[in-house]
Amino acid sequence: MISFIQKDWKSHKIRVCAETAGMLISLIVALIIMVTTPLPPMILCYVLWEVASVLLLSAAVSRGSLGFSILYSGFLVVDGIGLTRTLLA
């Protein structure tokens, strides 16, 4: 596993940074929701989820991963709809 990470870092630093940032942002959102339940700041959460989805989608496309590209595209659409509905409420 360590050698895979080192090899990936040497060949695709930007992708590794995008994936890491996207995962950290998603974890931060989960912590925000945990701490602020039952009334989390949904606008902030949706904006952060959108940023994470863009980062993770770009990394998935860079890897040539169809499955993750579809998954993160779906998250981008769903969270975009959620953000829009929250802003219009």
N, C-alpha and C. Protein backbone atom coordinates (compact mmCIF):
# COMPACT_ATOMS: atom_id res chain seq x y z
N MET A 1 0.83 -1.19 0.00
CA MET A 1 0.00 0.00 0.00
C MET A 1 0.87 1.26 0.00
N ILE A 2 1.90 1.25 0.82
CA ILE A 2 2.80 2.41 0.89
C ILE A 2 3.47 2.65 -0.46
N SER A 3 3.90 1.58 -1.11
CA SER A 3 4.56 1.75 -2.41
C SER A 3 3.58 2.30 -3.45
N PHE A 4 2.31 1.88 -3.38
CA PHE A 4 1.29 2.41 -4.30
C PHE A 4 1.12 3.91 -4.09
N ILE A 5 1.03 4.33 -2.83
CA ILE A 5 0.86 5.75 -2.52
C ILE A 5 2.06 6.55 -3.00
N GLN A 6 3.25 6.02 -2.74
CA GLN A 6 4.47 6.72 -3.19
C GLN A 6 4.53 6.82 -4.71
N LYS A 7 4.19 5.74 -5.38
CA LYS A 7 4.20 5.74 -6.86
C LYS A 7 3.16 6.72 -7.40
N ASP A 8 1.97 6.71 -6.81
CA ASP A 8 0.91 7.62 -7.24
C ASP A 8 1.32 9.07 -7.00
N TRP A 9 1.92 9.35 -5.85
CA TRP A 9 2.37 10.70 -5.51
C TRP A 9 3.41 11.19 -6.50
N LYS A 10 4.35 10.33 -6.86
CA LYS A 10 5.42 10.71 -7.78
C LYS A 10 4.89 11.00 -9.18
N SER A 11 3.85 10.26 -9.59
CA SER A 11 3.37 10.42 -10.96
C SER A 11 2.19 11.38 -11.10
N HIS A 12 1.41 11.59 -10.03
CA HIS A 12 0.20 12.42 -10.13
C HIS A 12 -0.06 13.20 -8.84
N LYS A 13 0.83 14.11 -8.52
CA LYS A 13 0.71 14.87 -7.26
C LYS A 13 -0.60 15.65 -7.16
N ILE A 14 -1.01 16.28 -8.24
CA ILE A 14 -2.24 17.09 -8.20
C ILE A 14 -3.45 16.20 -7.94
N ARG A 15 -3.50 15.05 -8.59
CA ARG A 15 -4.62 14.13 -8.38
C ARG A 15 -4.68 13.64 -6.94
N VAL A 16 -3.53 13.28 -6.38
CA VAL A 16 -3.49 12.81 -5.00
C VAL A 16 -3.96 13.91 -4.05
N CYS A 17 -3.54 15.14 -4.32
CA CYS A 17 -3.98 16.28 -3.49
C CYS A 17 -5.49 16.49 -3.62
N ALA A 18 -6.02 16.39 -4.83
CA ALA A 18 -7.46 16.57 -5.05
C ALA A 18 -8.25 15.49 -4.33
N GLU A 19 -7.80 14.24 -4.43
CA GLU A 19 -8.50 13.15 -3.74
C GLU A 19 -8.45 13.32 -2.23
N THR A 20 -7.29 13.67 -1.73
CA THR A 20 -7.14 13.84 -0.28
C THR A 20 -8.00 15.00 0.22
N ALA A 21 -7.96 16.11 -0.49
CA ALA A 21 -8.77 17.27 -0.09
C ALA A 21 -10.26 16.94 -0.15
N GLY A 22 -10.70 16.25 -1.20
CA GLY A 22 -12.10 15.87 -1.33
C GLY A 22 -12.56 14.98 -0.19
N MET A 23 -11.73 14.02 0.18
CA MET A 23 -12.09 13.12 1.28
C MET A 23 -12.10 13.86 2.62
N LEU A 24 -11.13 14.74 2.83
CA LEU A 24 -11.09 15.51 4.08
C LEU A 24 -12.30 16.44 4.20
N ILE A 25 -12.67 17.08 3.10
CA ILE A 25 -13.85 17.95 3.12
C ILE A 25 -15.10 17.15 3.47
N SER A 26 -15.24 15.97 2.87
CA SER A 26 -16.40 15.13 3.17
C SER A 26 -16.43 14.74 4.65
N LEU A 27 -15.28 14.42 5.20
CA LEU A 27 -15.20 14.08 6.63
C LEU A 27 -15.54 15.29 7.50
N ILE A 28 -15.07 16.46 7.12
CA ILE A 28 -15.38 17.69 7.86
C ILE A 28 -16.88 17.96 7.85
N VAL A 29 -17.53 17.76 6.71
CA VAL A 29 -18.98 17.96 6.64
C VAL A 29 -19.69 16.99 7.58
N ALA A 30 -19.26 15.74 7.60
CA ALA A 30 -19.87 14.76 8.50
C ALA A 30 -19.72 15.22 9.96
N LEU A 31 -18.55 15.76 10.30
CA LEU A 31 -18.33 16.25 11.66
C LEU A 31 -19.19 17.48 11.97
N ILE A 32 -19.32 18.37 10.99
CA ILE A 32 -20.18 19.55 11.18
C ILE A 32 -21.61 19.11 11.46
N ILE A 33 -22.10 18.16 10.68
CA ILE A 33 -23.47 17.68 10.88
C ILE A 33 -23.61 17.00 12.24
N MET A 34 -22.61 16.22 12.63
CA MET A 34 -22.65 15.53 13.91
C MET A 34 -22.73 16.53 15.07
N VAL A 35 -21.93 17.56 15.00
CA VAL A 35 -21.85 18.53 16.10
C VAL A 35 -23.08 19.44 16.14
N THR A 36 -23.64 19.75 14.99
CA THR A 36 -24.72 20.75 14.94
C THR A 36 -26.11 20.16 14.82
N THR A 37 -26.23 18.83 14.82
CA THR A 37 -27.55 18.19 14.76
C THR A 37 -28.36 18.60 15.97
N PRO A 38 -29.62 18.95 15.84
CA PRO A 38 -30.56 18.64 14.76
C PRO A 38 -30.71 19.74 13.72
N LEU A 39 -29.99 20.84 13.85
CA LEU A 39 -30.13 21.93 12.88
C LEU A 39 -28.77 22.29 12.26
N PRO A 40 -28.25 21.43 11.39
CA PRO A 40 -26.94 21.72 10.78
C PRO A 40 -27.04 22.87 9.78
N PRO A 41 -25.93 23.56 9.55
CA PRO A 41 -25.90 24.63 8.55
C PRO A 41 -25.85 24.05 7.14
N MET A 42 -27.01 23.77 6.58
CA MET A 42 -27.07 23.02 5.33
C MET A 42 -26.47 23.76 4.14
N ILE A 43 -26.58 25.07 4.10
CA ILE A 43 -25.96 25.79 2.98
C ILE A 43 -24.45 25.56 2.97
N LEU A 44 -23.83 25.69 4.14
CA LEU A 44 -22.39 25.43 4.25
C LEU A 44 -22.08 23.99 3.86
N CYS A 45 -22.86 23.05 4.37
CA CYS A 45 -22.62 21.63 4.07
C CYS A 45 -22.74 21.34 2.58
N TYR A 46 -23.79 21.87 1.94
CA TYR A 46 -23.96 21.62 0.51
C TYR A 46 -22.84 22.24 -0.32
N VAL A 47 -22.41 23.44 0.05
CA VAL A 47 -21.30 24.07 -0.69
C VAL A 47 -20.03 23.23 -0.55
N LEU A 48 -19.76 22.77 0.67
CA LEU A 48 -18.57 21.94 0.88
C LEU A 48 -18.69 20.61 0.14
N TRP A 49 -19.89 20.01 0.14
CA TRP A 49 -20.09 18.77 -0.61
C TRP A 49 -19.87 18.98 -2.10
N GLU A 50 -20.31 20.11 -2.63
CA GLU A 50 -20.10 20.41 -4.05
C GLU A 50 -18.61 20.51 -4.37
N VAL A 51 -17.87 21.21 -3.50
CA VAL A 51 -16.41 21.35 -3.70
C VAL A 51 -15.76 19.97 -3.66
N ALA A 52 -16.13 19.16 -2.66
CA ALA A 52 -15.56 17.81 -2.54
C ALA A 52 -15.90 16.97 -3.77
N SER A 53 -17.13 17.07 -4.25
CA SER A 53 -17.53 16.28 -5.42
C SER A 53 -16.74 16.67 -6.66
N VAL A 54 -16.50 17.96 -6.85
CA VAL A 54 -15.70 18.42 -8.00
C VAL A 54 -14.28 17.88 -7.91
N LEU A 55 -13.69 17.96 -6.72
CA LEU A 55 -12.32 17.46 -6.53
C LEU A 55 -12.25 15.95 -6.78
N LEU A 56 -13.18 15.22 -6.20
CA LEU A 56 -13.17 13.76 -6.35
C LEU A 56 -13.53 13.33 -7.77
N LEU A 57 -14.43 14.05 -8.42
CA LEU A 57 -14.77 13.75 -9.81
C LEU A 57 -13.56 13.98 -10.71
N SER A 58 -12.86 15.07 -10.51
CA SER A 58 -11.68 15.34 -11.35
C SER A 58 -10.61 14.25 -11.15
N ALA A 59 -10.43 13.80 -9.92
CA ALA A 59 -9.47 12.73 -9.67
C ALA A 59 -9.93 11.42 -10.31
N ALA A 60 -11.22 11.12 -10.23
CA ALA A 60 -11.75 9.89 -10.82
C ALA A 60 -11.58 9.90 -12.34
N VAL A 61 -11.86 11.04 -12.96
CA VAL A 61 -11.68 11.15 -14.41
C VAL A 61 -10.21 10.98 -14.77
N SER A 62 -9.33 11.60 -13.97
CA SER A 62 -7.90 11.48 -14.21
C SER A 62 -7.43 10.03 -14.11
N ARG A 63 -8.03 9.28 -13.22
CA ARG A 63 -7.69 7.85 -13.05
C ARG A 63 -8.31 6.98 -14.14
N GLY A 64 -9.30 7.53 -14.83
CA GLY A 64 -10.00 6.74 -15.83
C GLY A 64 -10.99 5.78 -15.19
N SER A 65 -11.52 6.15 -14.03
CA SER A 65 -12.44 5.30 -13.28
C SER A 65 -13.88 5.66 -13.63
N LEU A 66 -14.51 4.82 -14.44
CA LEU A 66 -15.89 5.07 -14.85
C LEU A 66 -16.84 5.04 -13.65
N GLY A 67 -16.69 4.04 -12.80
CA GLY A 67 -17.59 3.89 -11.66
C GLY A 67 -17.56 5.09 -10.73
N PHE A 68 -16.37 5.51 -10.34
CA PHE A 68 -16.27 6.67 -9.45
C PHE A 68 -16.66 7.96 -10.16
N SER A 69 -16.41 8.05 -11.44
CA SER A 69 -16.84 9.24 -12.19
C SER A 69 -18.35 9.37 -12.17
N ILE A 70 -19.05 8.25 -12.36
CA ILE A 70 -20.51 8.26 -12.31
C ILE A 70 -20.99 8.58 -10.89
N LEU A 71 -20.36 7.97 -9.89
CA LEU A 71 -20.74 8.21 -8.50
C LEU A 71 -20.59 9.68 -8.13
N TYR A 72 -19.45 10.27 -8.40
CA TYR A 72 -19.23 11.66 -8.01
C TYR A 72 -20.03 12.63 -8.87
N SER A 73 -20.33 12.26 -10.10
CA SER A 73 -21.23 13.08 -10.92
C SER A 73 -22.62 13.08 -10.30
N GLY A 74 -23.05 11.92 -9.84
CA GLY A 74 -24.34 11.81 -9.17
C GLY A 74 -24.39 12.65 -7.91
N PHE A 75 -23.33 12.59 -7.10
CA PHE A 75 -23.26 13.42 -5.89
C PHE A 75 -23.33 14.90 -6.25
N LEU A 76 -22.64 15.28 -7.31
CA LEU A 76 -22.62 16.68 -7.74
C LEU A 76 -24.03 17.15 -8.09
N VAL A 77 -24.77 16.34 -8.82
CA VAL A 77 -26.14 16.68 -9.20
C VAL A 77 -27.06 16.71 -7.99
N VAL A 78 -27.03 15.66 -7.18
CA VAL A 78 -27.91 15.57 -6.01
C VAL A 78 -27.64 16.73 -5.04
N ASP A 79 -26.37 16.99 -4.76
CA ASP A 79 -26.04 18.08 -3.83
C ASP A 79 -26.35 19.45 -4.44
N GLY A 80 -26.23 19.57 -5.75
CA GLY A 80 -26.61 20.82 -6.41
C GLY A 80 -28.10 21.08 -6.28
N ILE A 81 -28.90 20.03 -6.43
CA ILE A 81 -30.35 20.16 -6.25
C ILE A 81 -30.67 20.51 -4.80
N GLY A 82 -30.00 19.82 -3.86
CA GLY A 82 -30.21 20.10 -2.45
C GLY A 82 -29.85 21.53 -2.09
N LEU A 83 -28.73 22.03 -2.62
CA LEU A 83 -28.30 23.40 -2.37
C LEU A 83 -29.32 24.38 -2.94
N THR A 84 -29.77 24.14 -4.15
CA THR A 84 -30.76 25.01 -4.78
C THR A 84 -32.06 25.05 -3.97
N ARG A 85 -32.54 23.89 -3.56
CA ARG A 85 -33.78 23.83 -2.77
C ARG A 85 -33.60 24.54 -1.43
N THR A 86 -32.43 24.39 -0.82
CA THR A 86 -32.17 25.05 0.47
C THR A 86 -32.14 26.56 0.30
N LEU A 87 -31.51 27.03 -0.77
CA LEU A 87 -31.44 28.48 -1.01
C LEU A 87 -32.82 29.07 -1.32
N LEU A 88 -33.67 28.29 -1.97
CA LEU A 88 -35.00 28.79 -2.35
C LEU A 88 -36.04 28.66 -1.22
N ALA A 89 -35.70 27.91 -0.19
CA ALA A 89 -36.65 27.69 0.92
C ALA A 89 -36.77 28.92 1.81
